[in-house]
ModelCIF file with pLDDT and N, C-alpha, C, O atoms, coordinates in Angstrom:
data_MODEL
#
_entry.id   MODEL 
#
_entity.id                         1 
_entity.type                       polymer 
_entity.pdbx_number_of_molecules   1 
#
_entity_poly.entity_id                      1 
_entity_poly.type                           'polypeptide(L)' 
_entity_poly.nstd_linkage                   no 
_entity_poly.nstd_monomer                   no 
_entity_poly.pdbx_seq_one_letter_code       
;(UNK)(UNK)(UNK)(UNK)(UNK)(UNK)(UNK)(UNK)(UNK)(UNK)(UNK)(UNK)(UNK)(UNK)(UNK)(UNK)
(UNK)(UNK)(UNK)(UNK)(UNK)(UNK)(UNK)(UNK)(UNK)(UNK)(UNK)(UNK)(UNK)(UNK)(UNK)(UNK)
(UNK)(UNK)(UNK)(UNK)(UNK)(UNK)(UNK)(UNK)(UNK)(UNK)(UNK)(UNK)
;
_entity_poly.pdbx_seq_one_letter_code_can   XXXXXXXXXXXXXXXXXXXXXXXXXXXXXXXXXXXXXXXXXXXX 
_entity_poly.pdbx_strand_id                 A 
#
loop_
_entity_poly_seq.entity_id 
_entity_poly_seq.num 
_entity_poly_seq.mon_id 
_entity_poly_seq.hetero 
1 1  UNK n 
1 2  UNK n 
1 3  UNK n 
1 4  UNK n 
1 5  UNK n 
1 6  UNK n 
1 7  UNK n 
1 8  UNK n 
1 9  UNK n 
1 10 UNK n 
1 11 UNK n 
1 12 UNK n 
1 13 UNK n 
1 14 UNK n 
1 15 UNK n 
1 16 UNK n 
1 17 UNK n 
1 18 UNK n 
1 19 UNK n 
1 20 UNK n 
1 21 UNK n 
1 22 UNK n 
1 23 UNK n 
1 24 UNK n 
1 25 UNK n 
1 26 UNK n 
1 27 UNK n 
1 28 UNK n 
1 29 UNK n 
1 30 UNK n 
1 31 UNK n 
1 32 UNK n 
1 33 UNK n 
1 34 UNK n 
1 35 UNK n 
1 36 UNK n 
1 37 UNK n 
1 38 UNK n 
1 39 UNK n 
1 40 UNK n 
1 41 UNK n 
1 42 UNK n 
1 43 UNK n 
1 44 UNK n 
#
_struct_asym.id          A 
_struct_asym.entity_id   1 
#
loop_
_ma_qa_metric.id 
_ma_qa_metric.mode 
_ma_qa_metric.name 
_ma_qa_metric.software_group_id 
_ma_qa_metric.type 
1 global pLDDT . pLDDT 
2 local  pLDDT . pLDDT 
#
_ma_qa_metric_global.metric_id      1 
_ma_qa_metric_global.metric_value   96.95 
_ma_qa_metric_global.model_id       1 
_ma_qa_metric_global.ordinal_id     1 
#
loop_
_ma_qa_metric_local.label_asym_id 
_ma_qa_metric_local.label_comp_id 
_ma_qa_metric_local.label_seq_id 
_ma_qa_metric_local.metric_id 
_ma_qa_metric_local.metric_value 
_ma_qa_metric_local.model_id 
_ma_qa_metric_local.ordinal_id 
A UNK 1  2 98.00 1 1  
A UNK 2  2 98.00 1 2  
A UNK 3  2 98.00 1 3  
A UNK 4  2 98.00 1 4  
A UNK 5  2 98.00 1 5  
A UNK 6  2 98.00 1 6  
A UNK 7  2 98.00 1 7  
A UNK 8  2 98.00 1 8  
A UNK 9  2 98.00 1 9  
A UNK 10 2 98.00 1 10 
A UNK 11 2 97.00 1 11 
A UNK 12 2 96.00 1 12 
A UNK 13 2 94.00 1 13 
A UNK 14 2 92.00 1 14 
A UNK 15 2 93.00 1 15 
A UNK 16 2 94.00 1 16 
A UNK 17 2 94.00 1 17 
A UNK 18 2 95.00 1 18 
A UNK 19 2 97.00 1 19 
A UNK 20 2 98.00 1 20 
A UNK 21 2 98.00 1 21 
A UNK 22 2 98.00 1 22 
A UNK 23 2 98.00 1 23 
A UNK 24 2 98.00 1 24 
A UNK 25 2 98.00 1 25 
A UNK 26 2 98.00 1 26 
A UNK 27 2 98.00 1 27 
A UNK 28 2 96.00 1 28 
A UNK 29 2 96.00 1 29 
A UNK 30 2 97.00 1 30 
A UNK 31 2 96.00 1 31 
A UNK 32 2 97.00 1 32 
A UNK 33 2 97.00 1 33 
A UNK 34 2 98.00 1 34 
A UNK 35 2 98.00 1 35 
A UNK 36 2 98.00 1 36 
A UNK 37 2 98.00 1 37 
A UNK 38 2 98.00 1 38 
A UNK 39 2 98.00 1 39 
A UNK 40 2 96.00 1 40 
A UNK 41 2 95.00 1 41 
A UNK 42 2 97.00 1 42 
A UNK 43 2 97.00 1 43 
A UNK 44 2 98.00 1 44 
#
loop_
_atom_site.group_PDB 
_atom_site.id 
_atom_site.type_symbol 
_atom_site.label_atom_id 
_atom_site.label_alt_id 
_atom_site.label_comp_id 
_atom_site.label_asym_id 
_atom_site.label_entity_id 
_atom_site.label_seq_id 
_atom_site.pdbx_PDB_ins_code 
_atom_site.Cartn_x 
_atom_site.Cartn_y 
_atom_site.Cartn_z 
_atom_site.occupancy 
_atom_site.B_iso_or_equiv 
_atom_site.pdbx_formal_charge 
_atom_site.auth_seq_id 
_atom_site.auth_comp_id 
_atom_site.auth_asym_id 
_atom_site.auth_atom_id 
_atom_site.pdbx_PDB_model_num 
ATOM 1   N N  . UNK A 1 1  ? 42.339 11.202  -26.417 1.00 98.00 ? 1  UNK A N  1 
ATOM 2   C CA . UNK A 1 1  ? 42.545 9.799   -26.744 1.00 98.00 ? 1  UNK A CA 1 
ATOM 3   C C  . UNK A 1 1  ? 43.994 9.677   -27.352 1.00 98.00 ? 1  UNK A C  1 
ATOM 4   O O  . UNK A 1 1  ? 44.469 10.467  -28.167 1.00 98.00 ? 1  UNK A O  1 
ATOM 5   N N  . UNK A 1 2  ? 44.630 8.561   -26.829 1.00 98.00 ? 2  UNK A N  1 
ATOM 6   C CA . UNK A 1 2  ? 46.049 8.284   -27.191 1.00 98.00 ? 2  UNK A CA 1 
ATOM 7   C C  . UNK A 1 2  ? 47.007 8.904   -26.206 1.00 98.00 ? 2  UNK A C  1 
ATOM 8   O O  . UNK A 1 2  ? 48.205 8.627   -26.255 1.00 98.00 ? 2  UNK A O  1 
ATOM 9   N N  . UNK A 1 3  ? 46.503 9.750   -25.297 1.00 98.00 ? 3  UNK A N  1 
ATOM 10  C CA . UNK A 1 3  ? 47.429 10.262  -24.261 1.00 98.00 ? 3  UNK A CA 1 
ATOM 11  C C  . UNK A 1 3  ? 47.793 9.348   -23.178 1.00 98.00 ? 3  UNK A C  1 
ATOM 12  O O  . UNK A 1 3  ? 47.403 8.181   -23.145 1.00 98.00 ? 3  UNK A O  1 
ATOM 13  N N  . UNK A 1 4  ? 48.590 9.921   -22.235 1.00 98.00 ? 4  UNK A N  1 
ATOM 14  C CA . UNK A 1 4  ? 49.110 9.147   -21.076 1.00 98.00 ? 4  UNK A CA 1 
ATOM 15  C C  . UNK A 1 4  ? 48.919 9.829   -19.785 1.00 98.00 ? 4  UNK A C  1 
ATOM 16  O O  . UNK A 1 4  ? 48.873 11.055  -19.688 1.00 98.00 ? 4  UNK A O  1 
ATOM 17  N N  . UNK A 1 5  ? 48.809 9.005   -18.785 1.00 98.00 ? 5  UNK A N  1 
ATOM 18  C CA . UNK A 1 5  ? 48.663 9.589   -17.380 1.00 98.00 ? 5  UNK A CA 1 
ATOM 19  C C  . UNK A 1 5  ? 49.451 8.545   -16.439 1.00 98.00 ? 5  UNK A C  1 
ATOM 20  O O  . UNK A 1 5  ? 49.590 7.365   -16.761 1.00 98.00 ? 5  UNK A O  1 
ATOM 21  N N  . UNK A 1 6  ? 49.873 9.011   -15.431 1.00 98.00 ? 6  UNK A N  1 
ATOM 22  C CA . UNK A 1 6  ? 50.585 8.175   -14.341 1.00 98.00 ? 6  UNK A CA 1 
ATOM 23  C C  . UNK A 1 6  ? 49.817 8.342   -13.040 1.00 98.00 ? 6  UNK A C  1 
ATOM 24  O O  . UNK A 1 6  ? 49.832 9.449   -12.503 1.00 98.00 ? 6  UNK A O  1 
ATOM 25  N N  . UNK A 1 7  ? 49.213 7.435   -12.542 1.00 98.00 ? 7  UNK A N  1 
ATOM 26  C CA . UNK A 1 7  ? 48.535 7.561   -11.323 1.00 98.00 ? 7  UNK A CA 1 
ATOM 27  C C  . UNK A 1 7  ? 49.449 6.945   -10.140 1.00 98.00 ? 7  UNK A C  1 
ATOM 28  O O  . UNK A 1 7  ? 50.273 6.050   -10.325 1.00 98.00 ? 7  UNK A O  1 
ATOM 29  N N  . UNK A 1 8  ? 49.196 7.524   -8.967  1.00 98.00 ? 8  UNK A N  1 
ATOM 30  C CA . UNK A 1 8  ? 49.983 7.231   -7.832  1.00 98.00 ? 8  UNK A CA 1 
ATOM 31  C C  . UNK A 1 8  ? 48.912 6.911   -6.601  1.00 98.00 ? 8  UNK A C  1 
ATOM 32  O O  . UNK A 1 8  ? 47.852 7.520   -6.463  1.00 98.00 ? 8  UNK A O  1 
ATOM 33  N N  . UNK A 1 9  ? 49.356 5.902   -5.778  1.00 98.00 ? 9  UNK A N  1 
ATOM 34  C CA . UNK A 1 9  ? 48.550 5.605   -4.618  1.00 98.00 ? 9  UNK A CA 1 
ATOM 35  C C  . UNK A 1 9  ? 49.533 5.491   -3.565  1.00 98.00 ? 9  UNK A C  1 
ATOM 36  O O  . UNK A 1 9  ? 50.434 4.656   -3.636  1.00 98.00 ? 9  UNK A O  1 
ATOM 37  N N  . UNK A 1 10 ? 49.404 6.313   -2.560  1.00 98.00 ? 10 UNK A N  1 
ATOM 38  C CA . UNK A 1 10 ? 50.307 6.326   -1.377  1.00 98.00 ? 10 UNK A CA 1 
ATOM 39  C C  . UNK A 1 10 ? 49.486 5.659   -0.183  1.00 98.00 ? 10 UNK A C  1 
ATOM 40  O O  . UNK A 1 10 ? 48.354 6.043   0.111   1.00 98.00 ? 10 UNK A O  1 
ATOM 41  N N  . UNK A 1 11 ? 50.098 4.708   0.427   1.00 97.00 ? 11 UNK A N  1 
ATOM 42  C CA . UNK A 1 11 ? 49.519 3.900   1.380   1.00 97.00 ? 11 UNK A CA 1 
ATOM 43  C C  . UNK A 1 11 ? 50.221 4.216   2.736   1.00 97.00 ? 11 UNK A C  1 
ATOM 44  O O  . UNK A 1 11 ? 51.443 4.355   2.790   1.00 97.00 ? 11 UNK A O  1 
ATOM 45  N N  . UNK A 1 12 ? 49.431 4.323   3.807   1.00 96.00 ? 12 UNK A N  1 
ATOM 46  C CA . UNK A 1 12 ? 49.924 4.388   5.143   1.00 96.00 ? 12 UNK A CA 1 
ATOM 47  C C  . UNK A 1 12 ? 49.119 3.664   6.093   1.00 96.00 ? 12 UNK A C  1 
ATOM 48  O O  . UNK A 1 12 ? 47.934 3.424   5.863   1.00 96.00 ? 12 UNK A O  1 
ATOM 49  N N  . UNK A 1 13 ? 49.769 3.264   7.271   1.00 94.00 ? 13 UNK A N  1 
ATOM 50  C CA . UNK A 1 13 ? 49.037 2.501   8.319   1.00 94.00 ? 13 UNK A CA 1 
ATOM 51  C C  . UNK A 1 13 ? 49.178 1.065   8.290   1.00 94.00 ? 13 UNK A C  1 
ATOM 52  O O  . UNK A 1 13 ? 48.564 0.345   9.078   1.00 94.00 ? 13 UNK A O  1 
ATOM 53  N N  . UNK A 1 14 ? 50.069 0.568   7.296   1.00 92.00 ? 14 UNK A N  1 
ATOM 54  C CA . UNK A 1 14 ? 50.276 -0.881  7.175   1.00 92.00 ? 14 UNK A CA 1 
ATOM 55  C C  . UNK A 1 14 ? 51.708 -1.134  6.849   1.00 92.00 ? 14 UNK A C  1 
ATOM 56  O O  . UNK A 1 14 ? 52.440 -0.202  6.518   1.00 92.00 ? 14 UNK A O  1 
ATOM 57  N N  . UNK A 1 15 ? 52.158 -2.438  6.937   1.00 93.00 ? 15 UNK A N  1 
ATOM 58  C CA . UNK A 1 15 ? 53.450 -2.826  6.535   1.00 93.00 ? 15 UNK A CA 1 
ATOM 59  C C  . UNK A 1 15 ? 53.237 -3.093  5.091   1.00 93.00 ? 15 UNK A C  1 
ATOM 60  O O  . UNK A 1 15 ? 52.762 -4.170  4.732   1.00 93.00 ? 15 UNK A O  1 
ATOM 61  N N  . UNK A 1 16 ? 53.577 -2.129  4.212   1.00 94.00 ? 16 UNK A N  1 
ATOM 62  C CA . UNK A 1 16 ? 53.201 -2.072  2.783   1.00 94.00 ? 16 UNK A CA 1 
ATOM 63  C C  . UNK A 1 16 ? 53.730 -3.140  2.061   1.00 94.00 ? 16 UNK A C  1 
ATOM 64  O O  . UNK A 1 16 ? 52.979 -3.711  1.271   1.00 94.00 ? 16 UNK A O  1 
ATOM 65  N N  . UNK A 1 17 ? 55.052 -3.571  2.201   1.00 94.00 ? 17 UNK A N  1 
ATOM 66  C CA . UNK A 1 17 ? 55.665 -4.450  1.345   1.00 94.00 ? 17 UNK A CA 1 
ATOM 67  C C  . UNK A 1 17 ? 55.116 -5.906  1.327   1.00 94.00 ? 17 UNK A C  1 
ATOM 68  O O  . UNK A 1 17 ? 55.428 -6.721  0.458   1.00 94.00 ? 17 UNK A O  1 
ATOM 69  N N  . UNK A 1 18 ? 54.312 -6.149  2.310   1.00 95.00 ? 18 UNK A N  1 
ATOM 70  C CA . UNK A 1 18 ? 53.810 -7.610  2.491   1.00 95.00 ? 18 UNK A CA 1 
ATOM 71  C C  . UNK A 1 18 ? 52.420 -7.688  1.640   1.00 95.00 ? 18 UNK A C  1 
ATOM 72  O O  . UNK A 1 18 ? 51.962 -8.801  1.380   1.00 95.00 ? 18 UNK A O  1 
ATOM 73  N N  . UNK A 1 19 ? 51.839 -6.662  1.265   1.00 97.00 ? 19 UNK A N  1 
ATOM 74  C CA . UNK A 1 19 ? 50.495 -6.667  0.709   1.00 97.00 ? 19 UNK A CA 1 
ATOM 75  C C  . UNK A 1 19 ? 50.637 -6.586  -0.813  1.00 97.00 ? 19 UNK A C  1 
ATOM 76  O O  . UNK A 1 19 ? 51.497 -5.911  -1.379  1.00 97.00 ? 19 UNK A O  1 
ATOM 77  N N  . UNK A 1 20 ? 49.667 -7.373  -1.450  1.00 98.00 ? 20 UNK A N  1 
ATOM 78  C CA . UNK A 1 20 ? 49.357 -7.226  -2.781  1.00 98.00 ? 20 UNK A CA 1 
ATOM 79  C C  . UNK A 1 20 ? 48.508 -5.927  -3.004  1.00 98.00 ? 20 UNK A C  1 
ATOM 80  O O  . UNK A 1 20 ? 47.723 -5.565  -2.127  1.00 98.00 ? 20 UNK A O  1 
ATOM 81  N N  . UNK A 1 21 ? 48.654 -5.251  -4.127  1.00 98.00 ? 21 UNK A N  1 
ATOM 82  C CA . UNK A 1 21 ? 47.987 -4.029  -4.438  1.00 98.00 ? 21 UNK A CA 1 
ATOM 83  C C  . UNK A 1 21 ? 47.203 -4.178  -5.714  1.00 98.00 ? 21 UNK A C  1 
ATOM 84  O O  . UNK A 1 21 ? 47.602 -4.941  -6.593  1.00 98.00 ? 21 UNK A O  1 
ATOM 85  N N  . UNK A 1 22 ? 46.048 -3.439  -5.848  1.00 98.00 ? 22 UNK A N  1 
ATOM 86  C CA . UNK A 1 22 ? 45.234 -3.425  -6.997  1.00 98.00 ? 22 UNK A CA 1 
ATOM 87  C C  . UNK A 1 22 ? 44.761 -2.067  -7.413  1.00 98.00 ? 22 UNK A C  1 
ATOM 88  O O  . UNK A 1 22 ? 44.525 -1.229  -6.543  1.00 98.00 ? 22 UNK A O  1 
ATOM 89  N N  . UNK A 1 23 ? 44.609 -1.796  -8.662  1.00 98.00 ? 23 UNK A N  1 
ATOM 90  C CA . UNK A 1 23 ? 43.984 -0.693  -9.154  1.00 98.00 ? 23 UNK A CA 1 
ATOM 91  C C  . UNK A 1 23 ? 42.601 -1.042  -9.675  1.00 98.00 ? 23 UNK A C  1 
ATOM 92  O O  . UNK A 1 23 ? 42.430 -2.083  -10.310 1.00 98.00 ? 23 UNK A O  1 
ATOM 93  N N  . UNK A 1 24 ? 41.588 -0.177  -9.415  1.00 98.00 ? 24 UNK A N  1 
ATOM 94  C CA . UNK A 1 24 ? 40.272 -0.351  -9.853  1.00 98.00 ? 24 UNK A CA 1 
ATOM 95  C C  . UNK A 1 24 ? 39.746 0.899   -10.534 1.00 98.00 ? 24 UNK A C  1 
ATOM 96  O O  . UNK A 1 24 ? 40.281 1.996   -10.375 1.00 98.00 ? 24 UNK A O  1 
ATOM 97  N N  . UNK A 1 25 ? 38.798 0.720   -11.212 1.00 98.00 ? 25 UNK A N  1 
ATOM 98  C CA . UNK A 1 25 ? 38.054 1.884   -11.813 1.00 98.00 ? 25 UNK A CA 1 
ATOM 99  C C  . UNK A 1 25 ? 36.556 1.671   -11.834 1.00 98.00 ? 25 UNK A C  1 
ATOM 100 O O  . UNK A 1 25 ? 36.053 0.549   -11.896 1.00 98.00 ? 25 UNK A O  1 
ATOM 101 N N  . UNK A 1 26 ? 35.875 2.784   -11.779 1.00 98.00 ? 26 UNK A N  1 
ATOM 102 C CA . UNK A 1 26 ? 34.391 2.833   -11.751 1.00 98.00 ? 26 UNK A CA 1 
ATOM 103 C C  . UNK A 1 26 ? 33.935 3.953   -12.629 1.00 98.00 ? 26 UNK A C  1 
ATOM 104 O O  . UNK A 1 26 ? 34.078 5.135   -12.316 1.00 98.00 ? 26 UNK A O  1 
ATOM 105 N N  . UNK A 1 27 ? 33.378 3.537   -13.745 1.00 98.00 ? 27 UNK A N  1 
ATOM 106 C CA . UNK A 1 27 ? 32.810 4.552   -14.680 1.00 98.00 ? 27 UNK A CA 1 
ATOM 107 C C  . UNK A 1 27 ? 31.485 4.911   -14.168 1.00 98.00 ? 27 UNK A C  1 
ATOM 108 O O  . UNK A 1 27 ? 30.903 4.185   -13.362 1.00 98.00 ? 27 UNK A O  1 
ATOM 109 N N  . UNK A 1 28 ? 30.973 6.039   -14.620 1.00 96.00 ? 28 UNK A N  1 
ATOM 110 C CA . UNK A 1 28 ? 29.591 6.500   -14.194 1.00 96.00 ? 28 UNK A CA 1 
ATOM 111 C C  . UNK A 1 28 ? 28.576 5.404   -14.565 1.00 96.00 ? 28 UNK A C  1 
ATOM 112 O O  . UNK A 1 28 ? 28.589 4.885   -15.681 1.00 96.00 ? 28 UNK A O  1 
ATOM 113 N N  . UNK A 1 29 ? 27.697 5.062   -13.605 1.00 96.00 ? 29 UNK A N  1 
ATOM 114 C CA . UNK A 1 29 ? 26.691 4.202   -13.799 1.00 96.00 ? 29 UNK A CA 1 
ATOM 115 C C  . UNK A 1 29 ? 27.133 2.738   -13.866 1.00 96.00 ? 29 UNK A C  1 
ATOM 116 O O  . UNK A 1 29 ? 26.261 1.886   -14.037 1.00 96.00 ? 29 UNK A O  1 
ATOM 117 N N  . UNK A 1 30 ? 28.408 2.379   -13.746 1.00 97.00 ? 30 UNK A N  1 
ATOM 118 C CA . UNK A 1 30 ? 28.954 1.035   -13.834 1.00 97.00 ? 30 UNK A CA 1 
ATOM 119 C C  . UNK A 1 30 ? 29.440 0.552   -12.530 1.00 97.00 ? 30 UNK A C  1 
ATOM 120 O O  . UNK A 1 30 ? 29.684 1.318   -11.598 1.00 97.00 ? 30 UNK A O  1 
ATOM 121 N N  . UNK A 1 31 ? 29.578 -0.755  -12.474 1.00 96.00 ? 31 UNK A N  1 
ATOM 122 C CA . UNK A 1 31 ? 30.231 -1.363  -11.222 1.00 96.00 ? 31 UNK A CA 1 
ATOM 123 C C  . UNK A 1 31 ? 31.743 -1.123  -11.298 1.00 96.00 ? 31 UNK A C  1 
ATOM 124 O O  . UNK A 1 31 ? 32.340 -0.898  -12.351 1.00 96.00 ? 31 UNK A O  1 
ATOM 125 N N  . UNK A 1 32 ? 32.325 -1.194  -10.047 1.00 97.00 ? 32 UNK A N  1 
ATOM 126 C CA . UNK A 1 32 ? 33.736 -1.095  -10.019 1.00 97.00 ? 32 UNK A CA 1 
ATOM 127 C C  . UNK A 1 32 ? 34.422 -2.346  -10.564 1.00 97.00 ? 32 UNK A C  1 
ATOM 128 O O  . UNK A 1 32 ? 33.992 -3.473  -10.316 1.00 97.00 ? 32 UNK A O  1 
ATOM 129 N N  . UNK A 1 33 ? 35.437 -2.130  -11.269 1.00 97.00 ? 33 UNK A N  1 
ATOM 130 C CA . UNK A 1 33 ? 36.194 -3.260  -11.790 1.00 97.00 ? 33 UNK A CA 1 
ATOM 131 C C  . UNK A 1 33 ? 37.689 -3.240  -11.479 1.00 97.00 ? 33 UNK A C  1 
ATOM 132 O O  . UNK A 1 33 ? 38.298 -2.182  -11.320 1.00 97.00 ? 33 UNK A O  1 
ATOM 133 N N  . UNK A 1 34 ? 38.233 -4.391  -11.400 1.00 98.00 ? 34 UNK A N  1 
ATOM 134 C CA . UNK A 1 34 ? 39.664 -4.551  -11.038 1.00 98.00 ? 34 UNK A CA 1 
ATOM 135 C C  . UNK A 1 34 ? 40.378 -4.445  -12.473 1.00 98.00 ? 34 UNK A C  1 
ATOM 136 O O  . UNK A 1 34 ? 39.977 -5.116  -13.424 1.00 98.00 ? 34 UNK A O  1 
ATOM 137 N N  . UNK A 1 35 ? 41.358 -3.642  -12.559 1.00 98.00 ? 35 UNK A N  1 
ATOM 138 C CA . UNK A 1 35 ? 42.107 -3.474  -13.812 1.00 98.00 ? 35 UNK A CA 1 
ATOM 139 C C  . UNK A 1 35 ? 43.491 -4.003  -13.654 1.00 98.00 ? 35 UNK A C  1 
ATOM 140 O O  . UNK A 1 35 ? 43.971 -4.551  -14.646 1.00 98.00 ? 35 UNK A O  1 
ATOM 141 N N  . UNK A 1 36 ? 44.191 -3.933  -12.604 1.00 98.00 ? 36 UNK A N  1 
ATOM 142 C CA . UNK A 1 36 ? 45.583 -4.350  -12.495 1.00 98.00 ? 36 UNK A CA 1 
ATOM 143 C C  . UNK A 1 36 ? 45.905 -4.776  -11.078 1.00 98.00 ? 36 UNK A C  1 
ATOM 144 O O  . UNK A 1 36 ? 45.353 -4.227  -10.125 1.00 98.00 ? 36 UNK A O  1 
ATOM 145 N N  . UNK A 1 37 ? 46.831 -5.792  -10.917 1.00 98.00 ? 37 UNK A N  1 
ATOM 146 C CA . UNK A 1 37 ? 47.250 -6.247  -9.572  1.00 98.00 ? 37 UNK A CA 1 
ATOM 147 C C  . UNK A 1 37 ? 48.736 -6.330  -9.659  1.00 98.00 ? 37 UNK A C  1 
ATOM 148 O O  . UNK A 1 37 ? 49.293 -6.676  -10.701 1.00 98.00 ? 37 UNK A O  1 
ATOM 149 N N  . UNK A 1 38 ? 49.411 -5.999  -8.521  1.00 98.00 ? 38 UNK A N  1 
ATOM 150 C CA . UNK A 1 38 ? 50.787 -6.382  -8.378  1.00 98.00 ? 38 UNK A CA 1 
ATOM 151 C C  . UNK A 1 38 ? 50.960 -7.044  -7.089  1.00 98.00 ? 38 UNK A C  1 
ATOM 152 O O  . UNK A 1 38 ? 50.570 -6.443  -6.089  1.00 98.00 ? 38 UNK A O  1 
ATOM 153 N N  . UNK A 1 39 ? 51.498 -8.217  -6.970  1.00 98.00 ? 39 UNK A N  1 
ATOM 154 C CA . UNK A 1 39 ? 51.673 -8.989  -5.760  1.00 98.00 ? 39 UNK A CA 1 
ATOM 155 C C  . UNK A 1 39 ? 52.858 -8.446  -4.933  1.00 98.00 ? 39 UNK A C  1 
ATOM 156 O O  . UNK A 1 39 ? 53.656 -7.616  -5.368  1.00 98.00 ? 39 UNK A O  1 
ATOM 157 N N  . UNK A 1 40 ? 52.898 -8.996  -3.687  1.00 96.00 ? 40 UNK A N  1 
ATOM 158 C CA . UNK A 1 40 ? 54.064 -8.513  -2.904  1.00 96.00 ? 40 UNK A CA 1 
ATOM 159 C C  . UNK A 1 40 ? 55.383 -8.898  -3.442  1.00 96.00 ? 40 UNK A C  1 
ATOM 160 O O  . UNK A 1 40 ? 56.384 -8.273  -3.090  1.00 96.00 ? 40 UNK A O  1 
ATOM 161 N N  . UNK A 1 41 ? 55.452 -9.859  -4.249  1.00 95.00 ? 41 UNK A N  1 
ATOM 162 C CA . UNK A 1 41 ? 56.705 -10.236 -4.970  1.00 95.00 ? 41 UNK A CA 1 
ATOM 163 C C  . UNK A 1 41 ? 56.898 -9.531  -6.289  1.00 95.00 ? 41 UNK A C  1 
ATOM 164 O O  . UNK A 1 41 ? 57.899 -9.815  -6.947  1.00 95.00 ? 41 UNK A O  1 
ATOM 165 N N  . UNK A 1 42 ? 56.037 -8.636  -6.743  1.00 97.00 ? 42 UNK A N  1 
ATOM 166 C CA . UNK A 1 42 ? 56.165 -7.934  -7.970  1.00 97.00 ? 42 UNK A CA 1 
ATOM 167 C C  . UNK A 1 42 ? 55.578 -8.531  -9.180  1.00 97.00 ? 42 UNK A C  1 
ATOM 168 O O  . UNK A 1 42 ? 55.803 -8.007  -10.271 1.00 97.00 ? 42 UNK A O  1 
ATOM 169 N N  . UNK A 1 43 ? 54.862 -9.559  -9.082  1.00 97.00 ? 43 UNK A N  1 
ATOM 170 C CA . UNK A 1 43 ? 54.217 -10.250 -10.305 1.00 97.00 ? 43 UNK A CA 1 
ATOM 171 C C  . UNK A 1 43 ? 52.972 -9.387  -10.595 1.00 97.00 ? 43 UNK A C  1 
ATOM 172 O O  . UNK A 1 43 ? 52.424 -8.766  -9.684  1.00 97.00 ? 43 UNK A O  1 
ATOM 173 N N  . UNK A 1 44 ? 52.527 -9.352  -11.871 1.00 98.00 ? 44 UNK A N  1 
ATOM 174 C CA . UNK A 1 44 ? 51.397 -8.475  -12.236 1.00 98.00 ? 44 UNK A CA 1 
ATOM 175 C C  . UNK A 1 44 ? 50.457 -9.299  -13.005 1.00 98.00 ? 44 UNK A C  1 
ATOM 176 O O  . UNK A 1 44 ? 49.415 -8.807  -13.436 1.00 98.00 ? 44 UNK A O  1 
#
């Protein structure tokens, strides 16, 4: 607790810059939830 991590997601097969991207998480026994979004224009 209190520590840090940096996650990466490498995307291939699309024109990446035109897409909005999201990070999701799914805890054991729980539904998947959206935690962060970045638009193609860089808004979060």
